[in-house]
PDB file of N, CA and C in Angstrom:
ATOM      1  N   UNK A   1     -14.472 -27.900   1.867  1.00  0.00           N
ATOM      2  CA  UNK A   1     -15.471 -27.670   0.852  1.00  0.00           C
ATOM      3  C   UNK A   1     -15.017 -26.523  -0.045  1.00  0.00           C
ATOM      4  N   UNK A   2     -14.943 -26.772  -1.309  1.00  0.00           N
ATOM      5  CA  UNK A   2     -14.442 -25.802  -2.272  1.00  0.00           C
ATOM      6  C   UNK A   2     -15.590 -25.030  -2.896  1.00  0.00           C
ATOM      7  N   UNK A   3     -15.415 -23.703  -2.977  1.00  0.00           N
ATOM      8  CA  UNK A   3     -16.431 -22.873  -3.632  1.00  0.00           C
ATOM      9  C   UNK A   3     -16.141 -22.811  -5.120  1.00  0.00           C
ATOM     10  N   UNK A   4     -17.083 -23.198  -5.928  1.00  0.00           N
ATOM     11  CA  UNK A   4     -16.918 -23.077  -7.366  1.00  0.00           C
ATOM     12  C   UNK A   4     -17.620 -21.807  -7.811  1.00  0.00           C
ATOM     13  N   UNK A   5     -16.915 -21.012  -8.588  1.00  0.00           N
ATOM     14  CA  UNK A   5     -17.514 -19.779  -9.087  1.00  0.00           C
ATOM     15  C   UNK A   5     -17.325 -19.716 -10.590  1.00  0.00           C
ATOM     16  N   UNK A   6     -18.410 -19.592 -11.294  1.00  0.00           N
ATOM     17  CA  UNK A   6     -18.392 -19.453 -12.745  1.00  0.00           C
ATOM     18  C   UNK A   6     -19.210 -18.221 -13.083  1.00  0.00           C
ATOM     19  N   UNK A   7     -18.530 -17.128 -13.409  1.00  0.00           N
ATOM     20  CA  UNK A   7     -19.229 -15.909 -13.778  1.00  0.00           C
ATOM     21  C   UNK A   7     -19.713 -15.096 -12.602  1.00  0.00           C
ATOM     22  N   UNK A   8     -19.452 -15.539 -11.391  1.00  0.00           N
ATOM     23  CA  UNK A   8     -19.849 -14.796 -10.204  1.00  0.00           C
ATOM     24  C   UNK A   8     -18.688 -14.768  -9.221  1.00  0.00           C
ATOM     25  N   UNK A   9     -18.665 -13.706  -8.426  1.00  0.00           N
ATOM     26  CA  UNK A   9     -17.638 -13.615  -7.395  1.00  0.00           C
ATOM     27  C   UNK A   9     -18.086 -14.389  -6.164  1.00  0.00           C
ATOM     28  N   UNK A  10     -17.130 -14.980  -5.471  1.00  0.00           N
ATOM     29  CA  UNK A  10     -17.444 -15.651  -4.211  1.00  0.00           C
ATOM     30  C   UNK A  10     -17.742 -14.586  -3.157  1.00  0.00           C
ATOM     31  N   UNK A  11     -18.294 -14.992  -2.029  1.00  0.00           N
ATOM     32  CA  UNK A  11     -18.590 -14.054  -0.949  1.00  0.00           C
ATOM     33  C   UNK A  11     -17.315 -13.375  -0.446  1.00  0.00           C
ATOM     34  N   UNK A  12     -16.236 -14.133  -0.377  1.00  0.00           N
ATOM     35  CA  UNK A  12     -14.958 -13.559   0.066  1.00  0.00           C
ATOM     36  C   UNK A  12     -14.458 -12.513  -0.924  1.00  0.00           C
ATOM     37  N   UNK A  13     -14.560 -12.795  -2.214  1.00  0.00           N
ATOM     38  CA  UNK A  13     -14.130 -11.838  -3.233  1.00  0.00           C
ATOM     39  C   UNK A  13     -15.002 -10.581  -3.207  1.00  0.00           C
ATOM     40  N   UNK A  14     -16.296 -10.737  -2.986  1.00  0.00           N
ATOM     41  CA  UNK A  14     -17.187  -9.575  -2.872  1.00  0.00           C
ATOM     42  C   UNK A  14     -16.817  -8.725  -1.663  1.00  0.00           C
ATOM     43  N   UNK A  15     -16.490  -9.379  -0.561  1.00  0.00           N
ATOM     44  CA  UNK A  15     -16.093  -8.657   0.650  1.00  0.00           C
ATOM     45  C   UNK A  15     -14.818  -7.846   0.400  1.00  0.00           C
ATOM     46  N   UNK A  16     -13.842  -8.450  -0.275  1.00  0.00           N
ATOM     47  CA  UNK A  16     -12.596  -7.744  -0.604  1.00  0.00           C
ATOM     48  C   UNK A  16     -12.860  -6.578  -1.548  1.00  0.00           C
ATOM     49  N   UNK A  17     -13.723  -6.789  -2.518  1.00  0.00           N
ATOM     50  CA  UNK A  17     -14.066  -5.741  -3.475  1.00  0.00           C
ATOM     51  C   UNK A  17     -14.740  -4.566  -2.776  1.00  0.00           C
ATOM     52  N   UNK A  18     -15.594  -4.851  -1.812  1.00  0.00           N
ATOM     53  CA  UNK A  18     -16.254  -3.781  -1.044  1.00  0.00           C
ATOM     54  C   UNK A  18     -15.241  -2.966  -0.247  1.00  0.00           C
ATOM     55  N   UNK A  19     -14.237  -3.653   0.333  1.00  0.00           N
ATOM     56  CA  UNK A  19     -13.185  -2.936   1.068  1.00  0.00           C
ATOM     57  C   UNK A  19     -12.439  -1.987   0.135  1.00  0.00           C
ATOM     58  N   UNK A  20     -12.092  -2.470  -1.055  1.00  0.00           N
ATOM     59  CA  UNK A  20     -11.388  -1.629  -2.018  1.00  0.00           C
ATOM     60  C   UNK A  20     -12.250  -0.445  -2.458  1.00  0.00           C
ATOM     61  N   UNK A  21     -13.542  -0.680  -2.628  1.00  0.00           N
ATOM     62  CA  UNK A  21     -14.453   0.390  -3.036  1.00  0.00           C
ATOM     63  C   UNK A  21     -14.538   1.473  -1.959  1.00  0.00           C
ATOM     64  N   UNK A  22     -14.550   1.079  -0.685  1.00  0.00           N
ATOM     65  CA  UNK A  22     -14.570   2.053   0.408  1.00  0.00           C
ATOM     66  C   UNK A  22     -13.307   2.913   0.404  1.00  0.00           C
ATOM     67  N   UNK A  23     -12.155   2.283   0.182  1.00  0.00           N
ATOM     68  CA  UNK A  23     -10.893   3.033   0.127  1.00  0.00           C
ATOM     69  C   UNK A  23     -10.900   3.979  -1.071  1.00  0.00           C
ATOM     70  N   UNK A  24     -11.369   3.491  -2.218  1.00  0.00           N
ATOM     71  CA  UNK A  24     -11.441   4.329  -3.424  1.00  0.00           C
ATOM     72  C   UNK A  24     -12.340   5.535  -3.188  1.00  0.00           C
ATOM     73  N   UNK A  25     -13.488   5.332  -2.551  1.00  0.00           N
ATOM     74  CA  UNK A  25     -14.399   6.441  -2.252  1.00  0.00           C
ATOM     75  C   UNK A  25     -13.743   7.457  -1.322  1.00  0.00           C
ATOM     76  N   UNK A  26     -13.023   6.970  -0.321  1.00  0.00           N
ATOM     77  CA  UNK A  26     -12.329   7.877   0.603  1.00  0.00           C
ATOM     78  C   UNK A  26     -11.269   8.691  -0.130  1.00  0.00           C
ATOM     79  N   UNK A  27     -10.515   8.042  -1.021  1.00  0.00           N
ATOM     80  CA  UNK A  27      -9.501   8.759  -1.802  1.00  0.00           C
ATOM     81  C   UNK A  27     -10.145   9.783  -2.731  1.00  0.00           C
ATOM     82  N   UNK A  28     -11.288   9.452  -3.321  1.00  0.00           N
ATOM     83  CA  UNK A  28     -11.996  10.399  -4.185  1.00  0.00           C
ATOM     84  C   UNK A  28     -12.458  11.625  -3.396  1.00  0.00           C
ATOM     85  N   UNK A  29     -12.980  11.400  -2.181  1.00  0.00           N
ATOM     86  CA  UNK A  29     -13.421  12.534  -1.345  1.00  0.00           C
ATOM     87  C   UNK A  29     -12.240  13.431  -0.991  1.00  0.00           C
ATOM     88  N   UNK A  30     -11.099  12.823  -0.661  1.00  0.00           N
ATOM     89  CA  UNK A  30      -9.911  13.613  -0.336  1.00  0.00           C
ATOM     90  C   UNK A  30      -9.415  14.388  -1.547  1.00  0.00           C
ATOM     91  N   UNK A  31      -9.458  13.767  -2.709  1.00  0.00           N
ATOM     92  CA  UNK A  31      -9.001  14.446  -3.927  1.00  0.00           C
ATOM     93  C   UNK A  31      -9.860  15.671  -4.224  1.00  0.00           C
ATOM     94  N   UNK A  32     -11.176  15.557  -4.016  1.00  0.00           N
ATOM     95  CA  UNK A  32     -12.066  16.713  -4.230  1.00  0.00           C
ATOM     96  C   UNK A  32     -11.738  17.852  -3.275  1.00  0.00           C
ATOM     97  N   UNK A  33     -11.172  17.534  -2.121  1.00  0.00           N
ATOM     98  CA  UNK A  33     -10.761  18.555  -1.159  1.00  0.00           C
ATOM     99  C   UNK A  33      -9.348  19.059  -1.437  1.00  0.00           C
ATOM    100  N   UNK A  34      -8.704  18.514  -2.463  1.00  0.00           N
ATOM    101  CA  UNK A  34      -7.358  18.942  -2.826  1.00  0.00           C
ATOM    102  C   UNK A  34      -6.257  18.230  -2.060  1.00  0.00           C
ATOM    103  N   UNK A  35      -6.573  17.095  -1.456  1.00  0.00           N
ATOM    104  CA  UNK A  35      -5.593  16.352  -0.663  1.00  0.00           C
ATOM    105  C   UNK A  35      -5.162  15.113  -1.436  1.00  0.00           C
ATOM    106  N   UNK A  36      -3.847  15.003  -1.677  1.00  0.00           N
ATOM    107  CA  UNK A  36      -3.298  13.818  -2.327  1.00  0.00           C
ATOM    108  C   UNK A  36      -2.773  12.873  -1.253  1.00  0.00           C
ATOM    109  N   UNK A  37      -3.049  11.581  -1.420  1.00  0.00           N
ATOM    110  CA  UNK A  37      -2.673  10.638  -0.375  1.00  0.00           C
ATOM    111  C   UNK A  37      -2.456   9.245  -0.949  1.00  0.00           C
ATOM    112  N   UNK A  38      -1.586   8.492  -0.301  1.00  0.00           N
ATOM    113  CA  UNK A  38      -1.381   7.075  -0.589  1.00  0.00           C
ATOM    114  C   UNK A  38      -1.907   6.290   0.612  1.00  0.00           C
ATOM    115  N   UNK A  39      -2.587   5.179   0.352  1.00  0.00           N
ATOM    116  CA  UNK A  39      -3.092   4.331   1.428  1.00  0.00           C
ATOM    117  C   UNK A  39      -2.573   2.916   1.200  1.00  0.00           C
ATOM    118  N   UNK A  40      -1.960   2.356   2.246  1.00  0.00           N
ATOM    119  CA  UNK A  40      -1.459   0.979   2.172  1.00  0.00           C
ATOM    120  C   UNK A  40      -2.630   0.014   2.275  1.00  0.00           C
ATOM    121  N   UNK A  41      -2.597  -1.021   1.431  1.00  0.00           N
ATOM    122  CA  UNK A  41      -3.651  -2.028   1.386  1.00  0.00           C
ATOM    123  C   UNK A  41      -3.015  -3.391   1.598  1.00  0.00           C
ATOM    124  N   UNK A  42      -3.637  -4.225   2.422  1.00  0.00           N
ATOM    125  CA  UNK A  42      -3.154  -5.588   2.632  1.00  0.00           C
ATOM    126  C   UNK A  42      -3.261  -6.365   1.318  1.00  0.00           C
ATOM    127  N   UNK A  43      -2.177  -7.011   0.878  1.00  0.00           N
ATOM    128  CA  UNK A  43      -2.233  -7.748  -0.372  1.00  0.00           C
ATOM    129  C   UNK A  43      -3.093  -9.014  -0.303  1.00  0.00           C
ATOM    130  N   UNK A  44      -3.453  -9.455   0.885  1.00  0.00           N
ATOM    131  CA  UNK A  44      -4.258 -10.668   1.028  1.00  0.00           C
ATOM    132  C   UNK A  44      -5.741 -10.351   1.110  1.00  0.00           C
ATOM    133  N   UNK A  45      -6.139  -9.550   2.118  1.00  0.00           N
ATOM    134  CA  UNK A  45      -7.573  -9.311   2.345  1.00  0.00           C
ATOM    135  C   UNK A  45      -8.045  -7.956   1.838  1.00  0.00           C
ATOM    136  N   UNK A  46      -7.130  -7.107   1.344  1.00  0.00           N
ATOM    137  CA  UNK A  46      -7.428  -5.788   0.776  1.00  0.00           C
ATOM    138  C   UNK A  46      -7.884  -4.775   1.817  1.00  0.00           C
ATOM    139  N   UNK A  47      -7.604  -5.022   3.073  1.00  0.00           N
ATOM    140  CA  UNK A  47      -7.966  -4.101   4.141  1.00  0.00           C
ATOM    141  C   UNK A  47      -6.971  -2.944   4.209  1.00  0.00           C
ATOM    142  N   UNK A  48      -7.449  -1.729   4.502  1.00  0.00           N
ATOM    143  CA  UNK A  48      -6.523  -0.609   4.704  1.00  0.00           C
ATOM    144  C   UNK A  48      -5.963  -0.564   6.127  1.00  0.00           C
ATOM    145  N   UNK A  49      -6.330  -1.529   6.960  1.00  0.00           N
ATOM    146  CA  UNK A  49      -5.873  -1.548   8.362  1.00  0.00           C
ATOM    147  C   UNK A  49      -4.519  -2.256   8.461  1.00  0.00           C
ATOM    148  N   UNK A  50      -3.511  -1.629   7.857  1.00  0.00           N
ATOM    149  CA  UNK A  50      -2.144  -2.156   7.833  1.00  0.00           C
ATOM    150  C   UNK A  50      -1.266  -1.201   8.625  1.00  0.00           C
ATOM    151  N   UNK A  51      -0.454  -1.764   9.512  1.00  0.00           N
ATOM    152  CA  UNK A  51       0.440  -0.938  10.320  1.00  0.00           C
ATOM    153  C   UNK A  51       1.881  -1.343  10.063  1.00  0.00           C
ATOM    154  N   UNK A  52       2.758  -0.374  10.174  1.00  0.00           N
ATOM    155  CA  UNK A  52       4.193  -0.658  10.061  1.00  0.00           C
ATOM    156  C   UNK A  52       4.671  -1.088  11.436  1.00  0.00           C
ATOM    157  N   UNK A  53       5.439  -2.172  11.479  1.00  0.00           N
ATOM    158  CA  UNK A  53       5.913  -2.665  12.766  1.00  0.00           C
ATOM    159  C   UNK A  53       7.427  -2.827  12.732  1.00  0.00           C
ATOM    160  N   UNK A  54       7.994  -2.830  13.908  1.00  0.00           N
ATOM    161  CA  UNK A  54       9.411  -3.101  14.069  1.00  0.00           C
ATOM    162  C   UNK A  54       9.529  -4.099  15.206  1.00  0.00           C
ATOM    163  N   UNK A  55      10.221  -5.166  14.959  1.00  0.00           N
ATOM    164  CA  UNK A  55      10.416  -6.175  15.990  1.00  0.00           C
ATOM    165  C   UNK A  55      11.908  -6.433  16.152  1.00  0.00           C
ATOM    166  N   UNK A  56      12.230  -7.291  17.057  1.00  0.00           N
ATOM    167  CA  UNK A  56      13.623  -7.666  17.295  1.00  0.00           C
ATOM    168  C   UNK A  56      14.251  -8.168  15.994  1.00  0.00           C
ATOM    169  N   UNK A  57      13.502  -8.953  15.229  1.00  0.00           N
ATOM    170  CA  UNK A  57      14.042  -9.525  14.000  1.00  0.00           C
ATOM    171  C   UNK A  57      14.232  -8.468  12.913  1.00  0.00           C
ATOM    172  N   UNK A  58      13.506  -7.352  13.008  1.00  0.00           N
ATOM    173  CA  UNK A  58      13.598  -6.307  11.993  1.00  0.00           C
ATOM    174  C   UNK A  58      14.738  -5.332  12.261  1.00  0.00           C
ATOM    175  N   UNK A  59      15.396  -5.443  13.375  1.00  0.00           N
ATOM    176  CA  UNK A  59      16.429  -4.473  13.741  1.00  0.00           C
ATOM    177  C   UNK A  59      17.834  -4.917  13.371  1.00  0.00           C
ATOM    178  N   UNK A  60      17.961  -5.830  12.479  1.00  0.00           N
ATOM    179  CA  UNK A  60      19.281  -6.254  12.042  1.00  0.00           C
ATOM    180  C   UNK A  60      19.374  -7.761  11.973  1.00  0.00           C
ATOM    181  N   UNK A  61      20.517  -8.232  11.581  1.00  0.00           N
ATOM    182  CA  UNK A  61      20.754  -9.665  11.557  1.00  0.00           C
ATOM    183  C   UNK A  61      19.757 -10.430  10.710  1.00  0.00           C
ATOM    184  N   UNK A  62      18.704 -10.886  11.323  1.00  0.00           N
ATOM    185  CA  UNK A  62      17.754 -11.753  10.642  1.00  0.00           C
ATOM    186  C   UNK A  62      16.815 -11.016   9.693  1.00  0.00           C
ATOM    187  N   UNK A  63      16.400  -9.811  10.043  1.00  0.00           N
ATOM    188  CA  UNK A  63      15.367  -9.157   9.259  1.00  0.00           C
ATOM    189  C   UNK A  63      15.831  -8.010   8.398  1.00  0.00           C
ATOM    190  N   UNK A  64      17.020  -7.524   8.587  1.00  0.00           N
ATOM    191  CA  UNK A  64      17.462  -6.371   7.824  1.00  0.00           C
ATOM    192  C   UNK A  64      16.817  -5.103   8.341  1.00  0.00           C
ATOM    193  N   UNK A  65      16.945  -4.044   7.572  1.00  0.00           N
ATOM    194  CA  UNK A  65      16.416  -2.757   8.005  1.00  0.00           C
ATOM    195  C   UNK A  65      15.201  -2.315   7.190  1.00  0.00           C
ATOM    196  N   UNK A  66      14.648  -3.191   6.385  1.00  0.00           N
ATOM    197  CA  UNK A  66      13.454  -2.848   5.631  1.00  0.00           C
ATOM    198  C   UNK A  66      12.247  -2.841   6.551  1.00  0.00           C
ATOM    199  N   UNK A  67      11.292  -1.943   6.314  1.00  0.00           N
ATOM    200  CA  UNK A  67      10.103  -1.926   7.167  1.00  0.00           C
ATOM    201  C   UNK A  67       9.271  -3.193   6.959  1.00  0.00           C
ATOM    202  N   UNK A  68       8.599  -3.600   7.996  1.00  0.00           N
ATOM    203  CA  UNK A  68       7.692  -4.739   7.927  1.00  0.00           C
ATOM    204  C   UNK A  68       6.287  -4.233   8.222  1.00  0.00           C
ATOM    205  N   UNK A  69       5.297  -4.930   7.714  1.00  0.00           N
ATOM    206  CA  UNK A  69       3.907  -4.501   7.853  1.00  0.00           C
ATOM    207  C   UNK A  69       3.063  -5.654   8.364  1.00  0.00           C
ATOM    208  N   UNK A  70       1.983  -5.302   9.079  1.00  0.00           N
ATOM    209  CA  UNK A  70       1.081  -6.286   9.658  1.00  0.00           C
ATOM    210  C   UNK A  70      -0.353  -5.825   9.405  1.00  0.00           C
ATOM    211  N   UNK A  71      -1.205  -6.753   8.946  1.00  0.00           N
ATOM    212  CA  UNK A  71      -2.614  -6.440   8.725  1.00  0.00           C
ATOM    213  C   UNK A  71      -3.400  -6.766   9.988  1.00  0.00           C
ATOM    214  N   UNK A  72      -4.120  -5.788  10.492  1.00  0.00           N
ATOM    215  CA  UNK A  72      -4.908  -5.973  11.705  1.00  0.00           C
ATOM    216  C   UNK A  72      -6.147  -6.835  11.468  1.00  0.00           C
ATOM    217  N   UNK A  73      -6.553  -6.997  10.205  1.00  0.00           N
ATOM    218  CA  UNK A  73      -7.753  -7.780   9.914  1.00  0.00           C
ATOM    219  C   UNK A  73      -7.465  -9.259   9.701  1.00  0.00           C
ATOM    220  N   UNK A  74      -6.477  -9.592   8.871  1.00  0.00           N
ATOM    221  CA  UNK A  74      -6.251 -11.007   8.542  1.00  0.00           C
ATOM    222  C   UNK A  74      -4.969 -11.578   9.140  1.00  0.00           C
ATOM    223  N   UNK A  75      -4.107 -10.717   9.710  1.00  0.00           N
ATOM    224  CA  UNK A  75      -2.886 -11.208  10.316  1.00  0.00           C
ATOM    225  C   UNK A  75      -1.714 -11.352   9.362  1.00  0.00           C
ATOM    226  N   UNK A  76      -1.879 -10.913   8.123  1.00  0.00           N
ATOM    227  CA  UNK A  76      -0.772 -10.982   7.155  1.00  0.00           C
ATOM    228  C   UNK A  76       0.411 -10.185   7.680  1.00  0.00           C
ATOM    229  N   UNK A  77       1.620 -10.708   7.443  1.00  0.00           N
ATOM    230  CA  UNK A  77       2.856 -10.045   7.816  1.00  0.00           C
ATOM    231  C   UNK A  77       3.784 -10.118   6.615  1.00  0.00           C
ATOM    232  N   UNK A  78       4.367  -9.003   6.232  1.00  0.00           N
ATOM    233  CA  UNK A  78       5.288  -9.019   5.108  1.00  0.00           C
ATOM    234  C   UNK A  78       5.959  -7.682   4.924  1.00  0.00           C
ATOM    235  N   UNK A  79       6.749  -7.590   3.862  1.00  0.00           N
ATOM    236  CA  UNK A  79       7.516  -6.378   3.579  1.00  0.00           C
ATOM    237  C   UNK A  79       7.083  -5.688   2.293  1.00  0.00           C
ATOM    238  N   UNK A  80       6.172  -6.284   1.557  1.00  0.00           N
ATOM    239  CA  UNK A  80       5.718  -5.698   0.301  1.00  0.00           C
ATOM    240  C   UNK A  80       4.248  -5.348   0.427  1.00  0.00           C
ATOM    241  N   UNK A  81       3.905  -4.117   0.097  1.00  0.00           N
ATOM    242  CA  UNK A  81       2.538  -3.621   0.229  1.00  0.00           C
ATOM    243  C   UNK A  81       1.936  -3.278  -1.117  1.00  0.00           C
ATOM    244  N   UNK A  82       0.637  -3.256  -1.147  1.00  0.00           N
ATOM    245  CA  UNK A  82      -0.105  -2.687  -2.256  1.00  0.00           C
ATOM    246  C   UNK A  82      -0.502  -1.282  -1.813  1.00  0.00           C
ATOM    247  N   UNK A  83      -0.339  -0.314  -2.697  1.00  0.00           N
ATOM    248  CA  UNK A  83      -0.659   1.073  -2.365  1.00  0.00           C
ATOM    249  C   UNK A  83      -1.753   1.566  -3.298  1.00  0.00           C
ATOM    250  N   UNK A  84      -2.784   2.194  -2.715  1.00  0.00           N
ATOM    251  CA  UNK A  84      -3.794   2.892  -3.516  1.00  0.00           C
ATOM    252  C   UNK A  84      -3.520   4.379  -3.348  1.00  0.00           C
ATOM    253  N   UNK A  85      -3.642   5.116  -4.435  1.00  0.00           N
ATOM    254  CA  UNK A  85      -3.332   6.544  -4.393  1.00  0.00           C
ATOM    255  C   UNK A  85      -4.366   7.325  -5.184  1.00  0.00           C
ATOM    256  N   UNK A  86      -4.490   8.599  -4.851  1.00  0.00           N
ATOM    257  CA  UNK A  86      -5.334   9.481  -5.649  1.00  0.00           C
ATOM    258  C   UNK A  86      -4.495  10.509  -6.399  1.00  0.00           C
ATOM    259  N   UNK A  87      -3.169  10.337  -6.389  1.00  0.00           N
ATOM    260  CA  UNK A  87      -2.295  11.217  -7.156  1.00  0.00           C
ATOM    261  C   UNK A  87      -2.379  10.846  -8.633  1.00  0.00           C
ATOM    262  N   UNK A  88      -2.217  11.811  -9.527  1.00  0.00           N
ATOM    263  CA  UNK A  88      -2.145  11.467 -10.949  1.00  0.00           C
ATOM    264  C   UNK A  88      -0.996  10.487 -11.171  1.00  0.00           C
ATOM    265  N   UNK A  89      -1.185   9.534 -12.067  1.00  0.00           N
ATOM    266  CA  UNK A  89      -0.205   8.467 -12.256  1.00  0.00           C
ATOM    267  C   UNK A  89       1.180   9.000 -12.569  1.00  0.00           C
ATOM    268  N   UNK A  90       1.295   9.976 -13.462  1.00  0.00           N
ATOM    269  CA  UNK A  90       2.605  10.507 -13.827  1.00  0.00           C
ATOM    270  C   UNK A  90       3.304  11.119 -12.615  1.00  0.00           C
ATOM    271  N   UNK A  91       2.559  11.894 -11.803  1.00  0.00           N
ATOM    272  CA  UNK A  91       3.146  12.514 -10.616  1.00  0.00           C
ATOM    273  C   UNK A  91       3.566  11.463  -9.604  1.00  0.00           C
ATOM    274  N   UNK A  92       2.736  10.453  -9.399  1.00  0.00           N
ATOM    275  CA  UNK A  92       3.025   9.426  -8.405  1.00  0.00           C
ATOM    276  C   UNK A  92       4.304   8.675  -8.764  1.00  0.00           C
ATOM    277  N   UNK A  93       4.445   8.307 -10.013  1.00  0.00           N
ATOM    278  CA  UNK A  93       5.633   7.566 -10.437  1.00  0.00           C
ATOM    279  C   UNK A  93       6.879   8.426 -10.286  1.00  0.00           C
ATOM    280  N   UNK A  94       6.817   9.685 -10.709  1.00  0.00           N
ATOM    281  CA  UNK A  94       7.981  10.565 -10.598  1.00  0.00           C
ATOM    282  C   UNK A  94       8.364  10.813  -9.146  1.00  0.00           C
ATOM    283  N   UNK A  95       7.373  11.062  -8.288  1.00  0.00           N
ATOM    284  CA  UNK A  95       7.664  11.312  -6.880  1.00  0.00           C
ATOM    285  C   UNK A  95       8.295  10.083  -6.227  1.00  0.00           C
ATOM    286  N   UNK A  96       7.765   8.905  -6.537  1.00  0.00           N
ATOM    287  CA  UNK A  96       8.320   7.687  -5.961  1.00  0.00           C
ATOM    288  C   UNK A  96       9.747   7.449  -6.439  1.00  0.00           C
ATOM    289  N   UNK A  97       9.999   7.727  -7.713  1.00  0.00           N
ATOM    290  CA  UNK A  97      11.356   7.546  -8.242  1.00  0.00           C
ATOM    291  C   UNK A  97      12.313   8.520  -7.588  1.00  0.00           C
ATOM    292  N   UNK A  98      11.893   9.768  -7.400  1.00  0.00           N
ATOM    293  CA  UNK A  98      12.769  10.769  -6.800  1.00  0.00           C
ATOM    294  C   UNK A  98      13.117  10.394  -5.365  1.00  0.00           C
ATOM    295  N   UNK A  99      12.179   9.795  -4.635  1.00  0.00           N
ATOM    296  CA  UNK A  99      12.434   9.407  -3.254  1.00  0.00           C
ATOM    297  C   UNK A  99      13.333   8.180  -3.165  1.00  0.00           C
ATOM    298  N   UNK A 100      13.472   7.449  -4.256  1.00  0.00           N
ATOM    299  CA  UNK A 100      14.272   6.223  -4.246  1.00  0.00           C
ATOM    300  C   UNK A 100      15.771   6.497  -4.343  1.00  0.00           C
ATOM    301  N   UNK A 101      16.144   7.661  -4.831  1.00  0.00           N
ATOM    302  CA  UNK A 101      17.556   7.954  -5.037  1.00  0.00           C
ATOM    303  C   UNK A 101      18.131   8.688  -3.850  1.00  0.00           C
ATOM    304  N   UNK A 102      19.398   8.450  -3.619  1.00  0.00           N
ATOM    305  CA  UNK A 102      20.135   9.115  -2.565  1.00  0.00           C
ATOM    306  C   UNK A 102      20.251  10.597  -2.924  1.00  0.00           C
ATOM    307  N   UNK A 103      19.903  11.509  -2.009  1.00  0.00           N
ATOM    308  CA  UNK A 103      19.990  12.951  -2.318  1.00  0.00           C
ATOM    309  C   UNK A 103      21.383  13.398  -2.729  1.00  0.00           C
ATOM    310  N   UNK A 104      22.418  12.713  -2.268  1.00  0.00           N
ATOM    311  CA  UNK A 104      23.781  13.120  -2.625  1.00  0.00           C
ATOM    312  C   UNK A 104      24.100  12.824  -4.085  1.00  0.00           C
ATOM    313  N   UNK A 105      23.252  12.029  -4.755  1.00  0.00           N
ATOM    314  CA  UNK A 105      23.496  11.689  -6.155  1.00  0.00           C
ATOM    315  C   UNK A 105      22.859  12.693  -7.115  1.00  0.00           C
ATOM    316  N   UNK A 106      22.092  13.656  -6.585  1.00  0.00           N
ATOM    317  CA  UNK A 106      21.450  14.628  -7.455  1.00  0.00           C
ATOM    318  C   UNK A 106      22.496  15.588  -8.006  1.00  0.00           C
ATOM    319  N   UNK A 107      22.314  16.039  -9.259  1.00  0.00           N
ATOM    320  CA  UNK A 107      23.296  16.950  -9.859  1.00  0.00           C
ATOM    321  C   UNK A 107      23.312  18.299  -9.161  1.00  0.00           C
ATOM    322  N   UNK A 108      24.473  18.882  -9.124  1.00  0.00           N
ATOM    323  CA  UNK A 108      24.617  20.221  -8.538  1.00  0.00           C
ATOM    324  C   UNK A 108      24.143  21.260  -9.523  1.00  0.00           C
ATOM    325  N   UNK A 109      23.389  22.234  -9.050  1.00  0.00           N
ATOM    326  CA  UNK A 109      22.900  23.315  -9.925  1.00  0.00           C
ATOM    327  C   UNK A 109      23.855  24.508  -9.888  1.00  0.00           C
ATOM    328  N   UNK A 110      25.037  24.325  -9.325  1.00  0.00           N
ATOM    329  CA  UNK A 110      25.969  25.425  -9.172  1.00  0.00           C
ATOM    330  C   UNK A 110      26.768  25.699 -10.437  1.00  0.00           C
ATOM    331  N   UNK A 111      26.758  24.797 -11.388  1.00  0.00           N
ATOM    332  CA  UNK A 111      27.578  24.975 -12.584  1.00  0.00           C
ATOM    333  C   UNK A 111      26.976  25.958 -13.539  1.00  0.00           C
TER     334      UNK A 111
END
């Protein structure tokens, strides 16, 4: 049975939206306390109950060395996450870019 929605969210979409709103409220409370944080969100059900896992397949050969994630609510498994943050956008992008580069590639300040 297919749910048709015209101008209204389905019950499932409302449930996902409520989960996102709870995470947003938590990030806002932390920001008011001066705490910056990133929270991983399941790309399927939008739950923040995502854990990083390592299995036999993730330790080489078949899975590579990239981290894998599992959602405790819907069972999603994958390597790409959605992240919600309360950091200012400019700071978040710069910090993420800086962490992406090998430290040995940074210029020497000795010159």
